[in-house]
Amino acid sequence: MEELLDPLALSRWQFGLTTVYHFLFVPITIGMATVVAIYQTMWVRTGKTVYLQLTHFLGKLFLINFAMGVVTGIVQEFQFGMNWSNYSRFVGDVFGAPLALEGLLAFFLEATFIGLWIFGWDKLPAKLHLATIWATAVGSILSAYFIIAANAFMQNPVGYTINEAKERAELVDIGAVLTNPVALAAFPHTIFSAFMVTAGLMIAVAAWHLKRQQNVETMRPTLTFGLWLMVGAFAGTGLTGDQLSLVMVDTQPMKMAAAEAMYNTSTGYDASFSIFTLGTPDGVHELFSIRIPYLLSFLSTHTFDGTVEGINDLQAQYTTLYGPGDYTPVIWVTYWAFRWMIGLGAAHALVAVVGLWLTRKNRIPTQNWVWTVAIWAFPLSLLGMSVGWVFTEMGRQPWIVFSLMQTADGVSPNVSGLDVLISIVAFTLVYGTLAVVEFRLILQAVRKGPQPVDPHEDETDADGDTLPTRVQTTVY
């Protein structure tokens, strides 16, 4: 019973579940804000009604998702003080700095301008109103950067000094924290991945309508935009992921070794990448494996004769540096999470490539299975991105801050396992209810589709800029 009510294990589960749930909304918020801004820009520049319809339609999906992301994100931040007070006390001076910038600068920018965008349709000049959605998009991207910078400190602590008297880390260089190599590499990788998720949503929504041969004038360009965005974002995700792997090898070599389940240091041909491997948990016996020679060496060093350190050698090094203990993450989690991350994203990109071929020269496939695949493929990139974060965080274990503080030392000392269990159950019930509400609202908006607009009712302001009609001001 004591093991079931272990405060450390339950706190980790609670934070992990909350993070994964919150992250379901983050990539769509990041990507959709920019997509809506692009469509509104196209409307302002061309005056074509179809772009205004799509601005409102996709804007509604963005707003529903944004609201859910705010609610779940607030709860997540409170857990640092409730479940991880030792962690907050030890590194709060450093870790809290980028989070404060996120709240005071990025989220303030995002929340302020999203309000102006919602309520300013018939009150602001068209170009000024357009600027509000672009400011919202910039705010969402800045918010992502500051949060990634905070997380990067946990992966690669920089810009701090240890106050021996107070027994805590203190900030000495905010610039170093914000320009952490891990943050600089992880940020573009995350943003491109977010655009993949957004593209997947656009593809699925367009496919749902086109399968029923409705709203073709608006859904056909939406599908094309989504397909190209998926392919482009996947390419960006792959290129930035390559750079991130180089940084990971430099700052957290154990994570790369765990991603490949490579126990012995290898060089060149032997530093291969396994597509699929079956073996014993300790890596002593390999029963079956499909490998690509040299690939792990290239991914880790950008050379075909580079050396990649193995788990056993790194464990020995860490024991010498940090004292006795097991410094190996859960290998099966890191190994399979790394492959599912790549595989799910690649599968979604393949769907997009096939979709571009099938819809070339303005063709609209008549086979229902084509649209069914496009619709049900939506979760692929979202699951891939979520699994990628599982790999990022689980690959850091047993450290909560790499080389400075172990996860077991960061949990709140006065919080019982029963307290955490009750809160997990409560959060699960609340989040489950919110998930149903979110899904129904999104589904209702998708089924309703873009609403018609009468371009002849448009008005102009004193500068001659076009203002939306009264029809659009009632959308929200």
Protein backbone atom coordinates (compact mmCIF):
# COMPACT_ATOMS: atom_id res chain seq x y z
CA MET A 1 0.00 0.00 0.00
CA GLU A 2 2.88 2.35 0.81
CA GLU A 3 4.28 1.84 -2.68
CA LEU A 4 0.92 2.72 -4.22
CA LEU A 5 0.81 5.93 -2.15
CA ASP A 6 4.42 6.95 -2.79
CA PRO A 7 4.32 10.79 -2.98
CA LEU A 8 7.22 10.89 -5.47
CA ALA A 9 5.68 8.44 -7.93
CA LEU A 10 2.22 9.99 -7.67
CA SER A 11 3.58 13.52 -8.03
CA ARG A 12 5.46 12.49 -11.15
CA TRP A 13 2.36 10.87 -12.58
CA GLN A 14 0.25 13.91 -11.78
CA PHE A 15 2.64 16.36 -13.37
CA GLY A 16 3.17 14.10 -16.36
CA LEU A 17 -0.54 13.63 -16.98
CA THR A 18 -1.25 17.34 -16.54
CA THR A 19 1.57 18.25 -18.91
CA VAL A 20 0.48 15.83 -21.62
CA TYR A 21 -3.13 16.99 -21.30
CA HIS A 22 -2.14 20.66 -21.44
CA PHE A 23 0.11 19.98 -24.40
CA LEU A 24 -2.84 18.73 -26.45
CA PHE A 25 -3.88 22.38 -26.85
CA VAL A 26 -0.50 24.13 -27.08
CA PRO A 27 0.59 23.26 -30.64
CA ILE A 28 -2.78 24.15 -32.15
CA THR A 29 -2.73 27.50 -30.33
CA ILE A 30 0.77 28.27 -31.62
CA GLY A 31 0.14 27.21 -35.19
CA MET A 32 -3.46 28.29 -35.65
CA ALA A 33 -2.81 31.87 -34.49
CA THR A 34 -0.33 32.30 -37.31
CA VAL A 35 -2.58 30.55 -39.86
CA VAL A 36 -5.51 32.83 -38.96
CA ALA A 37 -3.22 35.87 -39.26
CA ILE A 38 -2.12 34.70 -42.72
CA TYR A 39 -5.69 34.27 -43.92
CA GLN A 40 -6.74 37.66 -42.56
CA THR A 41 -3.72 39.22 -44.29
CA MET A 42 -4.76 37.62 -47.56
CA TRP A 43 -8.27 39.03 -47.11
CA VAL A 44 -7.02 42.55 -46.36
CA ARG A 45 -4.71 42.45 -49.39
CA THR A 46 -7.12 40.89 -51.89
CA GLY A 47 -10.60 41.58 -50.54
CA LYS A 48 -11.64 38.02 -51.46
CA THR A 49 -14.55 36.85 -49.33
CA VAL A 50 -13.27 33.27 -49.09
CA TYR A 51 -10.29 34.44 -47.01
CA LEU A 52 -12.54 36.33 -44.62
CA GLN A 53 -14.76 33.27 -44.19
CA LEU A 54 -11.73 31.12 -43.38
CA THR A 55 -10.39 33.76 -40.99
CA HIS A 56 -13.58 33.57 -38.94
CA PHE A 57 -13.95 29.81 -39.21
CA LEU A 58 -10.40 28.91 -38.20
CA GLY A 59 -10.40 31.77 -35.70
CA LYS A 60 -13.27 30.13 -33.86
CA LEU A 61 -11.34 26.85 -33.60
CA PHE A 62 -8.32 28.82 -32.37
CA LEU A 63 -10.31 30.60 -29.64
CA ILE A 64 -11.91 27.43 -28.30
CA ASN A 65 -8.51 25.76 -28.13
CA PHE A 66 -6.84 28.84 -26.60
CA ALA A 67 -9.32 28.96 -23.72
CA MET A 68 -8.67 25.32 -22.83
CA GLY A 69 -4.92 25.81 -22.99
CA VAL A 70 -5.03 28.69 -20.52
CA VAL A 71 -7.05 26.72 -17.96
CA THR A 72 -4.80 23.65 -18.03
CA GLY A 73 -1.59 25.69 -18.10
CA ILE A 74 -2.42 27.59 -14.92
CA VAL A 75 -2.97 24.36 -12.99
CA GLN A 76 0.33 23.01 -14.26
CA GLU A 77 2.31 25.97 -12.94
CA PHE A 78 0.72 25.74 -9.50
CA GLN A 79 2.06 22.20 -9.16
CA PHE A 80 5.61 23.53 -8.91
CA GLY A 81 4.72 25.03 -5.53
CA MET A 82 2.34 22.33 -4.35
CA ASN A 83 4.05 19.08 -5.35
CA TRP A 84 7.61 20.21 -6.00
CA SER A 85 8.37 22.77 -3.30
CA ASN A 86 11.94 21.54 -2.74
CA TYR A 87 12.61 22.00 -6.44
CA SER A 88 11.02 25.47 -6.42
CA ARG A 89 13.05 26.52 -3.39
CA PHE A 90 16.32 25.25 -4.86
CA VAL A 91 16.11 26.62 -8.42
CA GLY A 92 13.12 28.95 -8.30
CA ASP A 93 15.33 32.03 -8.59
CA VAL A 94 16.60 30.78 -11.98
CA PHE A 95 13.74 28.67 -13.27
CA GLY A 96 11.18 31.32 -12.36
CA ALA A 97 12.84 34.10 -14.38
CA PRO A 98 11.84 32.91 -17.88
CA LEU A 99 8.42 31.87 -16.55
CA ALA A 100 7.94 35.40 -15.19
CA LEU A 101 8.88 36.82 -18.59
CA GLU A 102 6.38 34.45 -20.18
CA GLY A 103 3.58 35.68 -17.93
CA LEU A 104 4.42 39.39 -17.80
CA LEU A 105 5.50 39.84 -21.42
CA ALA A 106 4.40 37.07 -23.78
CA PHE A 107 1.10 36.02 -22.25
CA PHE A 108 0.17 39.64 -21.51
CA LEU A 109 0.83 40.48 -25.17
CA GLU A 110 -1.13 37.45 -26.33
CA ALA A 111 -4.12 37.95 -24.02
CA THR A 112 -4.39 41.70 -24.62
CA PHE A 113 -4.33 41.55 -28.39
CA ILE A 114 -6.56 38.52 -28.63
CA GLY A 115 -9.18 40.59 -26.82
CA LEU A 116 -8.72 43.47 -29.24
CA TRP A 117 -9.00 41.05 -32.14
CA ILE A 118 -12.22 39.47 -30.85
CA PHE A 119 -14.02 42.72 -30.05
CA GLY A 120 -12.41 45.01 -32.61
CA TRP A 121 -13.91 43.69 -35.83
CA ASP A 122 -16.28 46.63 -36.36
CA LYS A 123 -14.36 49.15 -34.24
CA LEU A 124 -10.78 49.18 -35.59
CA PRO A 125 -9.46 50.00 -39.06
CA ALA A 126 -8.85 46.82 -41.04
CA LYS A 127 -5.05 47.09 -41.03
CA LEU A 128 -4.89 47.92 -37.34
CA HIS A 129 -7.22 45.05 -36.58
CA LEU A 130 -4.97 42.78 -38.65
CA ALA A 131 -2.02 43.86 -36.52
CA THR A 132 -3.81 42.58 -33.39
CA ILE A 133 -3.95 38.97 -34.64
CA TRP A 134 -0.30 39.14 -35.70
CA ALA A 135 0.59 40.44 -32.22
CA THR A 136 -1.38 37.51 -30.77
CA ALA A 137 0.58 35.07 -32.95
CA VAL A 138 3.90 36.63 -31.94
CA GLY A 139 2.84 36.48 -28.28
CA SER A 140 2.04 32.77 -28.51
CA ILE A 141 5.42 32.03 -30.09
CA LEU A 142 7.26 34.16 -27.51
CA SER A 143 5.37 32.36 -24.77
CA ALA A 144 6.60 29.06 -26.15
CA TYR A 145 10.18 30.31 -26.20
CA PHE A 146 10.23 31.44 -22.57
CA ILE A 147 8.73 28.15 -21.41
CA ILE A 148 11.24 26.19 -23.49
CA ALA A 149 14.04 28.31 -21.99
CA ALA A 150 12.83 27.37 -18.49
CA ASN A 151 12.71 23.71 -19.46
CA ALA A 152 16.14 23.96 -21.10
CA PHE A 153 17.60 24.98 -17.74
CA MET A 154 16.41 21.62 -16.40
CA GLN A 155 18.17 19.86 -19.28
CA ASN A 156 21.33 21.98 -19.27
CA PRO A 157 21.66 24.35 -16.26
CA VAL A 158 23.45 27.61 -17.11
CA GLY A 159 23.54 31.21 -15.85
CA TYR A 160 23.49 30.34 -12.14
CA THR A 161 25.66 30.10 -9.09
CA ILE A 162 25.18 27.98 -5.98
CA ASN A 163 24.67 29.95 -2.77
CA GLU A 164 26.18 27.57 -0.24
CA ALA A 165 24.78 29.47 2.75
CA LYS A 166 21.19 29.34 1.48
CA GLU A 167 21.68 25.98 -0.27
CA ARG A 168 20.05 27.05 -3.51
CA ALA A 169 20.85 28.10 -7.06
CA GLU A 170 20.72 31.82 -7.82
CA LEU A 171 20.46 33.62 -11.13
CA VAL A 172 23.58 35.48 -12.27
CA ASP A 173 23.10 35.69 -16.05
CA ILE A 174 19.59 35.86 -17.52
CA GLY A 175 21.14 36.15 -20.98
CA ALA A 176 22.78 32.75 -20.58
CA VAL A 177 19.46 31.24 -19.49
CA LEU A 178 17.60 32.71 -22.47
CA THR A 179 20.32 31.71 -24.96
CA ASN A 180 20.81 28.22 -23.58
CA PRO A 181 21.95 26.02 -26.50
CA VAL A 182 19.21 23.52 -25.64
CA ALA A 183 16.55 26.25 -25.86
CA LEU A 184 17.93 27.60 -29.14
CA ALA A 185 17.78 24.11 -30.65
CA ALA A 186 14.51 22.94 -29.09
CA PHE A 187 12.52 26.09 -29.93
CA PRO A 188 12.43 25.82 -33.76
CA HIS A 189 11.93 22.06 -33.46
CA THR A 190 8.88 22.65 -31.27
CA ILE A 191 7.43 25.39 -33.48
CA PHE A 192 7.73 23.36 -36.67
CA SER A 193 6.12 20.41 -34.88
CA ALA A 194 3.28 22.67 -33.75
CA PHE A 195 2.66 23.68 -37.37
CA MET A 196 2.47 19.99 -38.28
CA VAL A 197 -0.33 19.54 -35.74
CA THR A 198 -2.13 22.64 -37.04
CA ALA A 199 -1.76 21.41 -40.61
CA GLY A 200 -3.19 18.05 -39.55
CA LEU A 201 -6.26 19.76 -38.10
CA MET A 202 -6.78 21.80 -41.28
CA ILE A 203 -6.48 18.68 -43.43
CA ALA A 204 -8.94 16.73 -41.28
CA VAL A 205 -11.51 19.54 -41.20
CA ALA A 206 -11.30 20.12 -44.95
CA ALA A 207 -11.51 16.38 -45.63
CA TRP A 208 -14.65 16.10 -43.49
CA HIS A 209 -16.43 18.71 -45.61
CA LEU A 210 -15.08 17.59 -48.97
CA LYS A 211 -16.11 14.00 -48.24
CA ARG A 212 -19.65 15.35 -48.06
CA GLN A 213 -19.08 17.66 -51.04
CA GLN A 214 -19.98 20.77 -49.05
CA ASN A 215 -18.25 24.16 -48.67
CA VAL A 216 -15.97 23.20 -51.55
CA GLU A 217 -15.00 26.82 -52.33
CA THR A 218 -13.51 27.31 -48.88
CA MET A 219 -12.42 23.78 -48.00
CA ARG A 220 -10.49 23.11 -51.20
CA PRO A 221 -7.94 25.92 -50.54
CA THR A 222 -7.87 24.94 -46.86
CA LEU A 223 -6.92 21.40 -47.79
CA THR A 224 -4.18 22.55 -50.15
CA PHE A 225 -2.78 24.97 -47.58
CA GLY A 226 -2.82 22.27 -44.92
CA LEU A 227 -1.12 19.66 -47.12
CA TRP A 228 1.74 21.98 -48.11
CA LEU A 229 2.08 23.25 -44.56
CA MET A 230 2.38 19.66 -43.32
CA VAL A 231 5.12 18.79 -45.79
CA GLY A 232 7.05 22.01 -45.15
CA ALA A 233 6.71 21.76 -41.37
CA PHE A 234 7.86 18.12 -41.42
CA ALA A 235 10.98 19.11 -43.33
CA GLY A 236 11.63 21.87 -40.80
CA THR A 237 11.01 19.48 -37.92
CA GLY A 238 13.52 17.01 -39.32
CA LEU A 239 16.25 19.59 -39.92
CA THR A 240 15.84 21.20 -36.50
CA GLY A 241 15.62 17.78 -34.86
CA ASP A 242 19.03 16.98 -36.32
CA GLN A 243 20.48 20.11 -34.71
CA LEU A 244 18.77 19.27 -31.43
CA SER A 245 20.33 15.81 -31.44
CA LEU A 246 23.81 17.37 -31.73
CA VAL A 247 23.13 19.59 -28.73
CA MET A 248 21.68 16.64 -26.82
CA VAL A 249 24.82 14.58 -27.38
CA ASP A 250 26.91 17.49 -26.11
CA THR A 251 24.83 18.27 -23.02
CA GLN A 252 23.09 14.96 -22.18
CA PRO A 253 24.95 12.06 -23.78
CA MET A 254 23.08 9.57 -21.60
CA LYS A 255 19.81 10.59 -23.25
CA MET A 256 21.13 9.83 -26.74
CA ALA A 257 22.58 6.51 -25.58
CA ALA A 258 19.22 5.65 -23.97
CA ALA A 259 17.37 6.63 -27.15
CA GLU A 260 19.32 3.94 -28.99
CA ALA A 261 19.54 1.54 -26.01
CA MET A 262 23.26 1.43 -26.74
CA TYR A 263 25.08 0.04 -23.72
CA ASN A 264 28.61 -0.03 -25.11
CA THR A 265 30.53 2.87 -26.62
CA SER A 266 30.63 2.47 -30.40
CA THR A 267 32.36 4.09 -33.35
CA GLY A 268 31.63 4.33 -37.07
CA TYR A 269 29.97 1.22 -38.49
CA ASP A 270 29.11 -0.12 -35.04
CA ALA A 271 27.38 3.15 -34.06
CA SER A 272 24.31 2.08 -36.00
CA PHE A 273 20.70 3.21 -35.64
CA SER A 274 18.24 0.42 -34.95
CA ILE A 275 14.85 0.68 -36.61
CA PHE A 276 13.58 -2.18 -34.48
CA THR A 277 15.29 -4.26 -31.80
CA LEU A 278 14.30 -7.10 -29.49
CA GLY A 279 16.60 -8.05 -26.65
CA THR A 280 17.13 -8.34 -22.92
CA PRO A 281 16.60 -5.21 -20.80
CA ASP A 282 20.29 -5.04 -19.86
CA GLY A 283 21.35 -5.00 -23.50
CA VAL A 284 23.56 -8.08 -23.10
CA HIS A 285 21.62 -10.28 -25.51
CA GLU A 286 20.16 -8.98 -28.74
CA LEU A 287 17.60 -11.39 -30.19
CA PHE A 288 16.65 -9.52 -33.36
CA SER A 289 17.48 -6.15 -34.84
CA ILE A 290 17.09 -4.10 -38.02
CA ARG A 291 19.93 -1.57 -38.14
CA ILE A 292 21.31 1.16 -40.37
CA PRO A 293 25.12 1.21 -40.03
CA TYR A 294 26.87 4.53 -39.33
CA LEU A 295 23.57 6.42 -38.91
CA LEU A 296 23.78 6.95 -35.14
CA SER A 297 27.37 8.13 -35.55
CA PHE A 298 26.23 10.64 -38.17
CA LEU A 299 23.25 11.85 -36.14
CA SER A 300 25.44 12.30 -33.05
CA THR A 301 28.57 13.82 -34.58
CA HIS A 302 27.79 14.59 -38.26
CA THR A 303 30.63 12.28 -39.20
CA PHE A 304 30.52 8.62 -40.21
CA ASP A 305 33.45 7.66 -37.99
CA GLY A 306 32.35 9.49 -34.82
CA THR A 307 32.25 7.87 -31.40
CA VAL A 308 29.02 7.63 -29.43
CA GLU A 309 29.32 6.93 -25.71
CA GLY A 310 27.39 3.97 -24.35
CA ILE A 311 25.21 3.66 -21.27
CA ASN A 312 27.70 1.56 -19.29
CA ASP A 313 30.61 3.99 -19.75
CA LEU A 314 28.41 6.99 -18.96
CA GLN A 315 27.05 5.28 -15.86
CA ALA A 316 30.63 4.77 -14.65
CA GLN A 317 31.48 8.41 -15.36
CA TYR A 318 28.42 9.71 -13.52
CA THR A 319 29.09 7.47 -10.54
CA THR A 320 32.56 9.03 -10.27
CA LEU A 321 31.20 12.57 -10.66
CA TYR A 322 28.00 12.41 -8.62
CA GLY A 323 28.42 9.45 -6.29
CA PRO A 324 26.80 6.02 -6.16
CA GLY A 325 23.43 5.60 -7.86
CA ASP A 326 21.64 4.57 -11.02
CA TYR A 327 21.86 7.37 -13.59
CA THR A 328 20.15 5.45 -16.38
CA PRO A 329 16.64 6.44 -17.50
CA VAL A 330 13.99 3.83 -18.25
CA ILE A 331 15.47 2.46 -21.45
CA TRP A 332 12.36 0.95 -23.04
CA VAL A 333 10.53 4.27 -22.62
CA THR A 334 13.28 6.37 -24.21
CA TYR A 335 13.97 3.83 -26.96
CA TRP A 336 10.38 3.47 -28.13
CA ALA A 337 9.36 7.09 -27.48
CA PHE A 338 12.16 8.26 -29.76
CA ARG A 339 10.97 5.95 -32.56
CA TRP A 340 7.27 6.68 -32.13
CA MET A 341 8.06 10.40 -32.24
CA ILE A 342 9.78 10.05 -35.60
CA GLY A 343 7.45 7.38 -36.98
CA LEU A 344 4.17 9.15 -36.22
CA GLY A 345 5.39 12.44 -37.67
CA ALA A 346 6.71 10.73 -40.79
CA ALA A 347 3.43 8.84 -41.26
CA HIS A 348 1.44 12.08 -41.15
CA ALA A 349 3.80 13.72 -43.63
CA LEU A 350 3.39 10.71 -45.93
CA VAL A 351 -0.39 11.15 -45.79
CA ALA A 352 0.10 14.77 -46.86
CA VAL A 353 2.39 13.85 -49.75
CA VAL A 354 -0.13 11.30 -51.00
CA GLY A 355 -2.86 13.90 -50.56
CA LEU A 356 -0.96 16.41 -52.72
CA TRP A 357 -0.64 13.81 -55.45
CA LEU A 358 -4.30 12.82 -55.33
CA THR A 359 -5.49 16.44 -55.39
CA ARG A 360 -3.04 17.72 -58.02
CA LYS A 361 -4.43 20.02 -60.73
CA ASN A 362 -7.49 20.82 -58.59
CA ARG A 363 -8.69 17.22 -58.56
CA ILE A 364 -11.07 16.12 -55.82
CA PRO A 365 -10.94 12.36 -55.13
CA THR A 366 -14.26 10.57 -55.14
CA GLN A 367 -13.16 7.59 -53.04
CA ASN A 368 -14.46 7.86 -49.48
CA TRP A 369 -11.46 6.04 -48.05
CA VAL A 370 -9.18 8.90 -49.11
CA TRP A 371 -11.09 11.38 -46.97
CA THR A 372 -11.48 8.90 -44.11
CA VAL A 373 -7.71 8.42 -43.92
CA ALA A 374 -7.15 12.19 -43.99
CA ILE A 375 -9.62 12.70 -41.12
CA TRP A 376 -8.38 9.91 -38.88
CA ALA A 377 -4.74 10.76 -39.50
CA PHE A 378 -5.13 13.98 -37.49
CA PRO A 379 -3.87 12.54 -34.15
CA LEU A 380 -0.62 11.26 -35.69
CA SER A 381 1.49 14.43 -35.43
CA LEU A 382 -0.12 15.42 -32.13
CA LEU A 383 0.71 12.03 -30.61
CA GLY A 384 4.19 12.21 -32.11
CA MET A 385 4.79 15.59 -30.51
CA SER A 386 3.45 14.41 -27.15
CA VAL A 387 5.65 11.31 -27.24
CA GLY A 388 8.58 13.56 -28.10
CA TRP A 389 8.07 15.47 -24.87
CA VAL A 390 7.83 12.19 -22.95
CA PHE A 391 11.22 11.28 -24.43
CA THR A 392 12.66 14.69 -23.53
CA GLU A 393 11.56 14.52 -19.90
CA MET A 394 11.98 10.80 -19.23
CA GLY A 395 15.38 10.82 -20.91
CA ARG A 396 16.58 13.33 -18.31
CA GLN A 397 15.83 11.02 -15.39
CA PRO A 398 16.83 10.52 -12.62
CA TRP A 399 17.56 14.27 -12.70
CA ILE A 400 14.95 16.97 -12.27
CA VAL A 401 17.76 19.43 -13.06
CA PHE A 402 20.55 17.63 -14.85
CA SER A 403 23.66 17.26 -12.67
CA LEU A 404 22.26 19.54 -9.93
CA MET A 405 19.18 17.93 -8.38
CA GLN A 406 17.62 14.51 -8.64
CA THR A 407 13.87 14.13 -9.05
CA ALA A 408 13.52 12.31 -5.73
CA ASP A 409 14.96 15.38 -3.95
CA GLY A 410 12.57 17.86 -5.57
CA VAL A 411 9.25 16.57 -4.26
CA SER A 412 7.40 18.43 -1.48
CA PRO A 413 8.27 16.87 1.90
CA ASN A 414 4.95 17.60 3.62
CA VAL A 415 2.58 16.38 0.89
CA SER A 416 1.31 12.86 1.45
CA GLY A 417 0.65 10.30 -1.22
CA LEU A 418 -3.05 10.34 -0.35
CA ASP A 419 -3.19 14.11 -0.93
CA VAL A 420 -1.65 13.69 -4.36
CA LEU A 421 -3.90 10.75 -5.22
CA ILE A 422 -7.03 12.72 -4.34
CA SER A 423 -5.90 15.64 -6.49
CA ILE A 424 -5.11 13.27 -9.39
CA VAL A 425 -8.63 11.85 -9.24
CA ALA A 426 -10.14 15.35 -8.98
CA PHE A 427 -8.07 16.69 -11.89
CA THR A 428 -8.91 13.64 -13.99
CA LEU A 429 -12.63 14.16 -13.47
CA VAL A 430 -12.44 17.88 -14.21
CA TYR A 431 -10.16 17.46 -17.22
CA GLY A 432 -12.29 14.62 -18.53
CA THR A 433 -15.33 16.88 -18.38
CA LEU A 434 -13.45 19.74 -20.05
CA ALA A 435 -12.24 17.36 -22.76
CA VAL A 436 -15.82 16.42 -23.58
CA VAL A 437 -16.82 20.09 -23.68
CA GLU A 438 -13.82 20.98 -25.87
CA PHE A 439 -14.47 18.13 -28.28
CA ARG A 440 -18.15 18.98 -28.64
CA LEU A 441 -17.45 22.66 -29.21
CA ILE A 442 -14.80 21.91 -31.82
CA LEU A 443 -16.99 19.31 -33.50
CA GLN A 444 -19.94 21.69 -33.54
CA ALA A 445 -17.84 24.45 -35.09
CA VAL A 446 -16.37 22.08 -37.67
CA ARG A 447 -19.75 20.73 -38.72
CA LYS A 448 -21.17 24.23 -38.99
CA GLY A 449 -18.31 25.17 -41.28
CA PRO A 450 -17.47 28.61 -42.73
CA GLN A 451 -20.42 30.96 -42.73
CA PRO A 452 -21.47 32.92 -45.85
CA VAL A 453 -20.57 36.59 -46.13
CA ASP A 454 -22.20 39.27 -48.23
CA PRO A 455 -19.31 41.33 -49.63
CA HIS A 456 -21.67 44.10 -50.70
CA GLU A 457 -22.33 45.04 -47.06
CA ASP A 458 -18.70 45.90 -46.39
CA GLU A 459 -18.04 49.35 -45.00
CA THR A 460 -14.93 51.52 -45.10
CA ASP A 461 -13.29 53.70 -42.50
CA ALA A 462 -11.99 57.26 -42.89
CA ASP A 463 -8.80 55.99 -44.52
CA GLY A 464 -10.67 53.84 -46.99
CA ASP A 465 -9.73 50.58 -45.25
CA THR A 466 -12.29 47.81 -45.50
CA LEU A 467 -14.13 46.86 -42.31
CA PRO A 468 -15.88 43.53 -41.78
CA THR A 469 -19.64 43.49 -42.19
CA ARG A 470 -22.08 43.13 -39.37
CA VAL A 471 -22.48 39.49 -40.35
CA GLN A 472 -18.95 38.77 -39.17
CA THR A 473 -19.14 40.72 -35.95
CA THR A 474 -21.66 38.23 -34.59
CA VAL A 475 -19.45 35.19 -35.22
CA TYR A 476 -17.80 35.26 -31.83
